[in-house]
Amino acid sequence: AEYMGFKQDNMEKEEKKEKPLMGTCVVTDKPFSRLTTEPNFDRIRPKQVLQDALAELQCKLKENRVTYEHVSDRLRSIRQDLMIQRIQDEFTIEVYEVHARLALINKDISQFHQCISQLEELYELFPKRSIAEFKAYLLLYLGFHYFYSELNVALKGIPKLLRKEKCIIPVSYTHLRAHETLRYLVCRLLLEKK
C-alpha cells in the first residue's frame, strides 16, 4: 500500500525508529558487554531498574565492597542501557557525573573523557543544571593534556555568571605548567586569586 508516495512498509519502519524503546530486564547488577548485534530488549534495563542499579552501586561503593573497576564496568553498562533507550534526562546526567568524578579520582582518563563529552551535550539540553564543577574538570583535563587550543575555546565558552563560581578561577598557562610533575598536574587553584 502507498500513502502520499511512500510505501506503507517504509512508514512503519520510520515509526518504529521514532517510538521510545524500553528494556524489560530487571537485573540490577549487569556487567558491561559491547554490542555486536541489535540490542535484545530482554537484556536492557528500564529506567527504574537503572536507578535502582545506580543506588545499589553507590551503596556498595560507600561501604568499600567493590573496586573502582567493578563500579566503572557497571556504570558503563548503565550508560549503555540509557543510550540504547535514548533516555536523556536528569538521571542520565547524574550517571555521567558520578562516573566522571570516579574516573577522575581513579585516573581513568578514557572514561572521564567519554563522560565529560556526553555531559557537555547533556548540559546543552538541560541548561538549568549547575555545570561549574564539570567545566572546571574539563579545563583541568585540557590543560593536563596540553590541548591548549581546545582550552582556549573552552575558556571563551564559559558564561560570565559561571566564572564567578568558586571552582573556576583565573589561572595562566604558565601557572599550570609551573606545577607539573612527571605523574600529576598539580594545579594550584586553591591559592589566593591574583
C-alpha atoms as a PDB file:
ATOM      1  CA  ALA A   1       0.000   0.000   0.000  1.00  0.00           C
ATOM      2  CA  GLU A   2       1.093   3.550  -0.650  1.00  0.00           C
ATOM      3  CA  TYR A   3       0.369   6.763   1.212  1.00  0.00           C
ATOM      4  CA  MET A   4       1.395  10.100  -0.309  1.00  0.00           C
ATOM      5  CA  GLY A   5       4.038   8.408  -2.445  1.00  0.00           C
ATOM      6  CA  PHE A   6       5.584   6.381   0.394  1.00  0.00           C
ATOM      7  CA  LYS A   7       5.249   2.654   0.715  1.00  0.00           C
ATOM      8  CA  GLN A   8       3.465   1.563   3.889  1.00  0.00           C
ATOM      9  CA  ASP A   9       6.404  -0.683   4.876  1.00  0.00           C
ATOM     10  CA  ASN A  10       8.803   2.291   4.898  1.00  0.00           C
ATOM     11  CA  MET A  11       6.393   4.349   7.007  1.00  0.00           C
ATOM     12  CA  GLU A  12       6.095   1.553   9.567  1.00  0.00           C
ATOM     13  CA  LYS A  13       9.884   1.252   9.763  1.00  0.00           C
ATOM     14  CA  GLU A  14      10.190   5.005  10.319  1.00  0.00           C
ATOM     15  CA  GLU A  15       7.522   4.897  13.045  1.00  0.00           C
ATOM     16  CA  LYS A  16       9.376   2.075  14.797  1.00  0.00           C
ATOM     17  CA  LYS A  17      12.554   4.180  14.792  1.00  0.00           C
ATOM     18  CA  GLU A  18      10.763   7.085  16.452  1.00  0.00           C
ATOM     19  CA  LYS A  19       8.975   5.133  19.185  1.00  0.00           C
ATOM     20  CA  PRO A  20      10.723   5.165  22.558  1.00  0.00           C
ATOM     21  CA  LEU A  21      12.472   1.913  23.284  1.00  0.00           C
ATOM     22  CA  MET A  22      12.080   0.259  26.657  1.00  0.00           C
ATOM     23  CA  GLY A  23      14.002  -2.670  28.049  1.00  0.00           C
ATOM     24  CA  THR A  24      12.452  -5.398  30.177  1.00  0.00           C
ATOM     25  CA  CYS A  25      15.422  -6.768  32.164  1.00  0.00           C
ATOM     26  CA  VAL A  26      15.058  -6.498  35.956  1.00  0.00           C
ATOM     27  CA  VAL A  27      18.639  -7.437  36.933  1.00  0.00           C
ATOM     28  CA  THR A  28      20.344  -4.527  38.679  1.00  0.00           C
ATOM     29  CA  ASP A  29      23.927  -5.879  38.675  1.00  0.00           C
ATOM     30  CA  LYS A  30      24.662  -6.373  34.974  1.00  0.00           C
ATOM     31  CA  PRO A  31      28.208  -6.311  33.564  1.00  0.00           C
ATOM     32  CA  PHE A  32      29.016  -4.203  30.535  1.00  0.00           C
ATOM     33  CA  SER A  33      29.241  -6.033  27.225  1.00  0.00           C
ATOM     34  CA  ARG A  34      29.996  -4.407  23.904  1.00  0.00           C
ATOM     35  CA  LEU A  35      27.097  -4.710  21.498  1.00  0.00           C
ATOM     36  CA  THR A  36      27.961  -6.516  18.278  1.00  0.00           C
ATOM     37  CA  THR A  37      24.369  -7.067  17.115  1.00  0.00           C
ATOM     38  CA  GLU A  38      20.990  -5.396  17.508  1.00  0.00           C
ATOM     39  CA  PRO A  39      20.140  -4.963  21.206  1.00  0.00           C
ATOM     40  CA  ASN A  40      17.965  -7.615  22.813  1.00  0.00           C
ATOM     41  CA  PHE A  41      15.436  -5.771  24.963  1.00  0.00           C
ATOM     42  CA  ASP A  42      15.222  -8.725  27.331  1.00  0.00           C
ATOM     43  CA  ARG A  43      18.774  -7.733  28.352  1.00  0.00           C
ATOM     44  CA  ILE A  44      18.177  -3.959  28.527  1.00  0.00           C
ATOM     45  CA  ARG A  45      17.008  -2.472  31.826  1.00  0.00           C
ATOM     46  CA  PRO A  46      14.255   0.146  32.014  1.00  0.00           C
ATOM     47  CA  LYS A  47      14.938   3.461  33.741  1.00  0.00           C
ATOM     48  CA  GLN A  48      13.566   2.425  37.161  1.00  0.00           C
ATOM     49  CA  VAL A  49      15.847  -0.620  37.254  1.00  0.00           C
ATOM     50  CA  LEU A  50      18.773   1.572  36.191  1.00  0.00           C
ATOM     51  CA  GLN A  51      18.011   3.980  39.043  1.00  0.00           C
ATOM     52  CA  ASP A  52      17.987   1.039  41.464  1.00  0.00           C
ATOM     53  CA  ALA A  53      21.260  -0.219  39.965  1.00  0.00           C
ATOM     54  CA  LEU A  54      22.933   3.167  40.480  1.00  0.00           C
ATOM     55  CA  ALA A  55      21.703   3.415  44.083  1.00  0.00           C
ATOM     56  CA  GLU A  56      22.930  -0.123  44.766  1.00  0.00           C
ATOM     57  CA  LEU A  57      26.343   0.662  43.268  1.00  0.00           C
ATOM     58  CA  GLN A  58      26.706   3.854  45.278  1.00  0.00           C
ATOM     59  CA  CYS A  59      25.821   1.979  48.468  1.00  0.00           C
ATOM     60  CA  LYS A  60      28.415  -0.737  47.748  1.00  0.00           C
ATOM     61  CA  LEU A  61      30.996   1.915  46.952  1.00  0.00           C
ATOM     62  CA  LYS A  62      30.371   3.778  50.215  1.00  0.00           C
ATOM     63  CA  GLU A  63      30.802   0.538  52.135  1.00  0.00           C
ATOM     64  CA  ASN A  64      34.006  -0.290  50.197  1.00  0.00           C
ATOM     65  CA  ARG A  65      32.516  -3.585  48.986  1.00  0.00           C
ATOM     66  CA  VAL A  66      33.556  -3.076  45.357  1.00  0.00           C
ATOM     67  CA  THR A  67      36.567  -1.919  43.391  1.00  0.00           C
ATOM     68  CA  TYR A  68      36.614   1.014  41.010  1.00  0.00           C
ATOM     69  CA  GLU A  69      36.962  -1.410  38.097  1.00  0.00           C
ATOM     70  CA  HIS A  70      33.715  -3.136  39.116  1.00  0.00           C
ATOM     71  CA  VAL A  71      31.864   0.144  39.576  1.00  0.00           C
ATOM     72  CA  SER A  72      33.168   1.553  36.289  1.00  0.00           C
ATOM     73  CA  ASP A  73      32.092  -1.580  34.440  1.00  0.00           C
ATOM     74  CA  ARG A  74      28.576  -1.387  35.895  1.00  0.00           C
ATOM     75  CA  LEU A  75      28.308   2.342  35.201  1.00  0.00           C
ATOM     76  CA  ARG A  76      29.278   1.703  31.587  1.00  0.00           C
ATOM     77  CA  SER A  77      26.505  -0.872  31.449  1.00  0.00           C
ATOM     78  CA  ILE A  78      24.008   1.637  32.861  1.00  0.00           C
ATOM     79  CA  ARG A  79      25.164   4.273  30.370  1.00  0.00           C
ATOM     80  CA  GLN A  80      24.785   1.793  27.522  1.00  0.00           C
ATOM     81  CA  ASP A  81      21.211   0.909  28.543  1.00  0.00           C
ATOM     82  CA  LEU A  82      20.363   4.606  28.770  1.00  0.00           C
ATOM     83  CA  MET A  83      21.795   5.258  25.315  1.00  0.00           C
ATOM     84  CA  ILE A  84      20.024   2.310  23.671  1.00  0.00           C
ATOM     85  CA  GLN A  85      16.695   3.525  25.055  1.00  0.00           C
ATOM     86  CA  ARG A  86      17.527   7.137  24.124  1.00  0.00           C
ATOM     87  CA  ILE A  87      16.984   8.294  27.693  1.00  0.00           C
ATOM     88  CA  GLN A  88      18.364  11.813  28.106  1.00  0.00           C
ATOM     89  CA  ASP A  89      17.194  13.394  31.332  1.00  0.00           C
ATOM     90  CA  GLU A  90      18.363  14.449  34.799  1.00  0.00           C
ATOM     91  CA  PHE A  91      19.044  10.829  35.747  1.00  0.00           C
ATOM     92  CA  THR A  92      21.286  10.377  32.700  1.00  0.00           C
ATOM     93  CA  ILE A  93      23.247  13.451  33.762  1.00  0.00           C
ATOM     94  CA  GLU A  94      23.575  12.049  37.294  1.00  0.00           C
ATOM     95  CA  VAL A  95      25.000   8.762  35.950  1.00  0.00           C
ATOM     96  CA  TYR A  96      27.572  10.557  33.806  1.00  0.00           C
ATOM     97  CA  GLU A  97      28.523  12.927  36.644  1.00  0.00           C
ATOM     98  CA  VAL A  98      29.020  10.052  39.089  1.00  0.00           C
ATOM     99  CA  HIS A  99      31.148   8.151  36.585  1.00  0.00           C
ATOM    100  CA  ALA A 100      33.173  11.245  35.613  1.00  0.00           C
ATOM    101  CA  ARG A 101      34.021  12.011  39.255  1.00  0.00           C
ATOM    102  CA  LEU A 102      35.014   8.420  39.988  1.00  0.00           C
ATOM    103  CA  ALA A 103      37.044   8.174  36.774  1.00  0.00           C
ATOM    104  CA  LEU A 104      38.920  11.357  37.645  1.00  0.00           C
ATOM    105  CA  ILE A 105      39.647  10.187  41.185  1.00  0.00           C
ATOM    106  CA  ASN A 106      40.892   6.851  39.839  1.00  0.00           C
ATOM    107  CA  LYS A 107      42.923   8.394  36.986  1.00  0.00           C
ATOM    108  CA  ASP A 108      40.788   6.658  34.353  1.00  0.00           C
ATOM    109  CA  ILE A 109      41.199   9.344  31.706  1.00  0.00           C
ATOM    110  CA  SER A 110      39.490   7.317  28.984  1.00  0.00           C
ATOM    111  CA  GLN A 111      36.212   7.005  30.905  1.00  0.00           C
ATOM    112  CA  PHE A 112      36.493  10.573  32.171  1.00  0.00           C
ATOM    113  CA  HIS A 113      36.804  11.837  28.605  1.00  0.00           C
ATOM    114  CA  GLN A 114      33.788   9.806  27.450  1.00  0.00           C
ATOM    115  CA  CYS A 115      31.684  11.074  30.345  1.00  0.00           C
ATOM    116  CA  ILE A 116      32.704  14.721  30.053  1.00  0.00           C
ATOM    117  CA  SER A 117      31.996  14.672  26.302  1.00  0.00           C
ATOM    118  CA  GLN A 118      28.483  13.368  26.898  1.00  0.00           C
ATOM    119  CA  LEU A 119      27.926  15.793  29.779  1.00  0.00           C
ATOM    120  CA  GLU A 120      28.694  18.754  27.520  1.00  0.00           C
ATOM    121  CA  GLU A 121      25.919  17.633  25.173  1.00  0.00           C
ATOM    122  CA  LEU A 122      23.512  16.874  28.016  1.00  0.00           C
ATOM    123  CA  TYR A 123      24.116  20.255  29.671  1.00  0.00           C
ATOM    124  CA  GLU A 124      23.014  21.915  26.429  1.00  0.00           C
ATOM    125  CA  LEU A 125      19.718  20.025  26.678  1.00  0.00           C
ATOM    126  CA  PHE A 126      19.314  20.864  30.378  1.00  0.00           C
ATOM    127  CA  PRO A 127      20.766  24.372  30.827  1.00  0.00           C
ATOM    128  CA  LYS A 128      19.331  24.832  34.325  1.00  0.00           C
ATOM    129  CA  ARG A 129      21.800  22.318  35.746  1.00  0.00           C
ATOM    130  CA  SER A 130      24.813  23.657  37.613  1.00  0.00           C
ATOM    131  CA  ILE A 131      27.728  22.832  35.358  1.00  0.00           C
ATOM    132  CA  ALA A 132      30.542  24.725  37.071  1.00  0.00           C
ATOM    133  CA  GLU A 133      32.149  21.662  38.662  1.00  0.00           C
ATOM    134  CA  PHE A 134      32.396  19.790  35.381  1.00  0.00           C
ATOM    135  CA  LYS A 135      33.519  22.823  33.402  1.00  0.00           C
ATOM    136  CA  ALA A 136      36.359  23.133  35.924  1.00  0.00           C
ATOM    137  CA  TYR A 137      37.214  19.435  35.456  1.00  0.00           C
ATOM    138  CA  LEU A 138      37.188  19.903  31.694  1.00  0.00           C
ATOM    139  CA  LEU A 139      39.569  22.870  31.944  1.00  0.00           C
ATOM    140  CA  LEU A 140      41.977  20.857  34.105  1.00  0.00           C
ATOM    141  CA  TYR A 141      41.746  17.893  31.745  1.00  0.00           C
ATOM    142  CA  LEU A 142      42.507  20.030  28.686  1.00  0.00           C
ATOM    143  CA  GLY A 143      45.403  21.757  30.446  1.00  0.00           C
ATOM    144  CA  PHE A 144      46.797  18.447  31.679  1.00  0.00           C
ATOM    145  CA  HIS A 145      46.872  17.006  28.177  1.00  0.00           C
ATOM    146  CA  TYR A 146      48.299  20.184  26.570  1.00  0.00           C
ATOM    147  CA  PHE A 147      45.174  20.741  24.483  1.00  0.00           C
ATOM    148  CA  TYR A 148      45.725  24.479  24.583  1.00  0.00           C
ATOM    149  CA  SER A 149      43.644  25.418  21.551  1.00  0.00           C
ATOM    150  CA  GLU A 150      40.697  23.423  22.962  1.00  0.00           C
ATOM    151  CA  LEU A 151      41.368  25.029  26.333  1.00  0.00           C
ATOM    152  CA  ASN A 152      41.111  28.494  24.751  1.00  0.00           C
ATOM    153  CA  VAL A 153      37.773  27.553  23.177  1.00  0.00           C
ATOM    154  CA  ALA A 154      36.513  26.130  26.483  1.00  0.00           C
ATOM    155  CA  LEU A 155      37.602  29.237  28.394  1.00  0.00           C
ATOM    156  CA  LYS A 156      35.852  31.519  25.919  1.00  0.00           C
ATOM    157  CA  GLY A 157      32.711  29.389  26.207  1.00  0.00           C
ATOM    158  CA  ILE A 158      32.346  29.884  29.951  1.00  0.00           C
ATOM    159  CA  PRO A 159      29.467  32.270  30.668  1.00  0.00           C
ATOM    160  CA  LYS A 160      30.250  35.281  32.868  1.00  0.00           C
ATOM    161  CA  LEU A 161      27.982  34.026  35.666  1.00  0.00           C
ATOM    162  CA  LEU A 162      29.842  30.718  35.703  1.00  0.00           C
ATOM    163  CA  ARG A 163      33.199  32.483  36.040  1.00  0.00           C
ATOM    164  CA  LYS A 164      32.122  33.667  39.483  1.00  0.00           C
ATOM    165  CA  GLU A 165      31.827  30.078  40.766  1.00  0.00           C
ATOM    166  CA  LYS A 166      34.412  29.123  43.386  1.00  0.00           C
ATOM    167  CA  CYS A 167      35.691  26.146  41.384  1.00  0.00           C
ATOM    168  CA  ILE A 168      36.626  28.265  38.351  1.00  0.00           C
ATOM    169  CA  ILE A 169      39.236  30.936  38.957  1.00  0.00           C
ATOM    170  CA  PRO A 170      41.703  32.512  36.536  1.00  0.00           C
ATOM    171  CA  VAL A 171      44.943  30.572  36.118  1.00  0.00           C
ATOM    172  CA  SER A 172      47.526  31.216  33.400  1.00  0.00           C
ATOM    173  CA  TYR A 173      49.163  28.543  31.232  1.00  0.00           C
ATOM    174  CA  THR A 174      52.451  29.462  32.869  1.00  0.00           C
ATOM    175  CA  HIS A 175      50.872  28.840  36.256  1.00  0.00           C
ATOM    176  CA  LEU A 176      49.564  25.457  35.089  1.00  0.00           C
ATOM    177  CA  ARG A 177      52.904  24.389  33.619  1.00  0.00           C
ATOM    178  CA  ALA A 178      54.850  25.549  36.686  1.00  0.00           C
ATOM    179  CA  HIS A 179      53.149  22.931  38.830  1.00  0.00           C
ATOM    180  CA  GLU A 180      53.551  19.878  36.611  1.00  0.00           C
ATOM    181  CA  THR A 181      55.319  16.760  37.791  1.00  0.00           C
ATOM    182  CA  LEU A 182      56.018  13.600  35.833  1.00  0.00           C
ATOM    183  CA  ARG A 183      52.918  11.812  37.095  1.00  0.00           C
ATOM    184  CA  TYR A 184      50.482  14.550  38.068  1.00  0.00           C
ATOM    185  CA  LEU A 185      49.435  18.026  37.199  1.00  0.00           C
ATOM    186  CA  VAL A 186      49.234  19.840  40.491  1.00  0.00           C
ATOM    187  CA  CYS A 187      47.173  22.858  39.670  1.00  0.00           C
ATOM    188  CA  ARG A 188      47.294  25.379  42.468  1.00  0.00           C
ATOM    189  CA  LEU A 189      43.680  26.520  42.112  1.00  0.00           C
ATOM    190  CA  LEU A 190      43.365  26.849  45.859  1.00  0.00           C
ATOM    191  CA  LEU A 191      45.979  29.593  46.019  1.00  0.00           C
ATOM    192  CA  GLU A 192      44.844  33.130  46.504  1.00  0.00           C
ATOM    193  CA  LYS A 193      43.366  34.759  43.443  1.00  0.00           C
ATOM    194  CA  LYS A 194      45.700  37.038  41.528  1.00  0.00           C
END
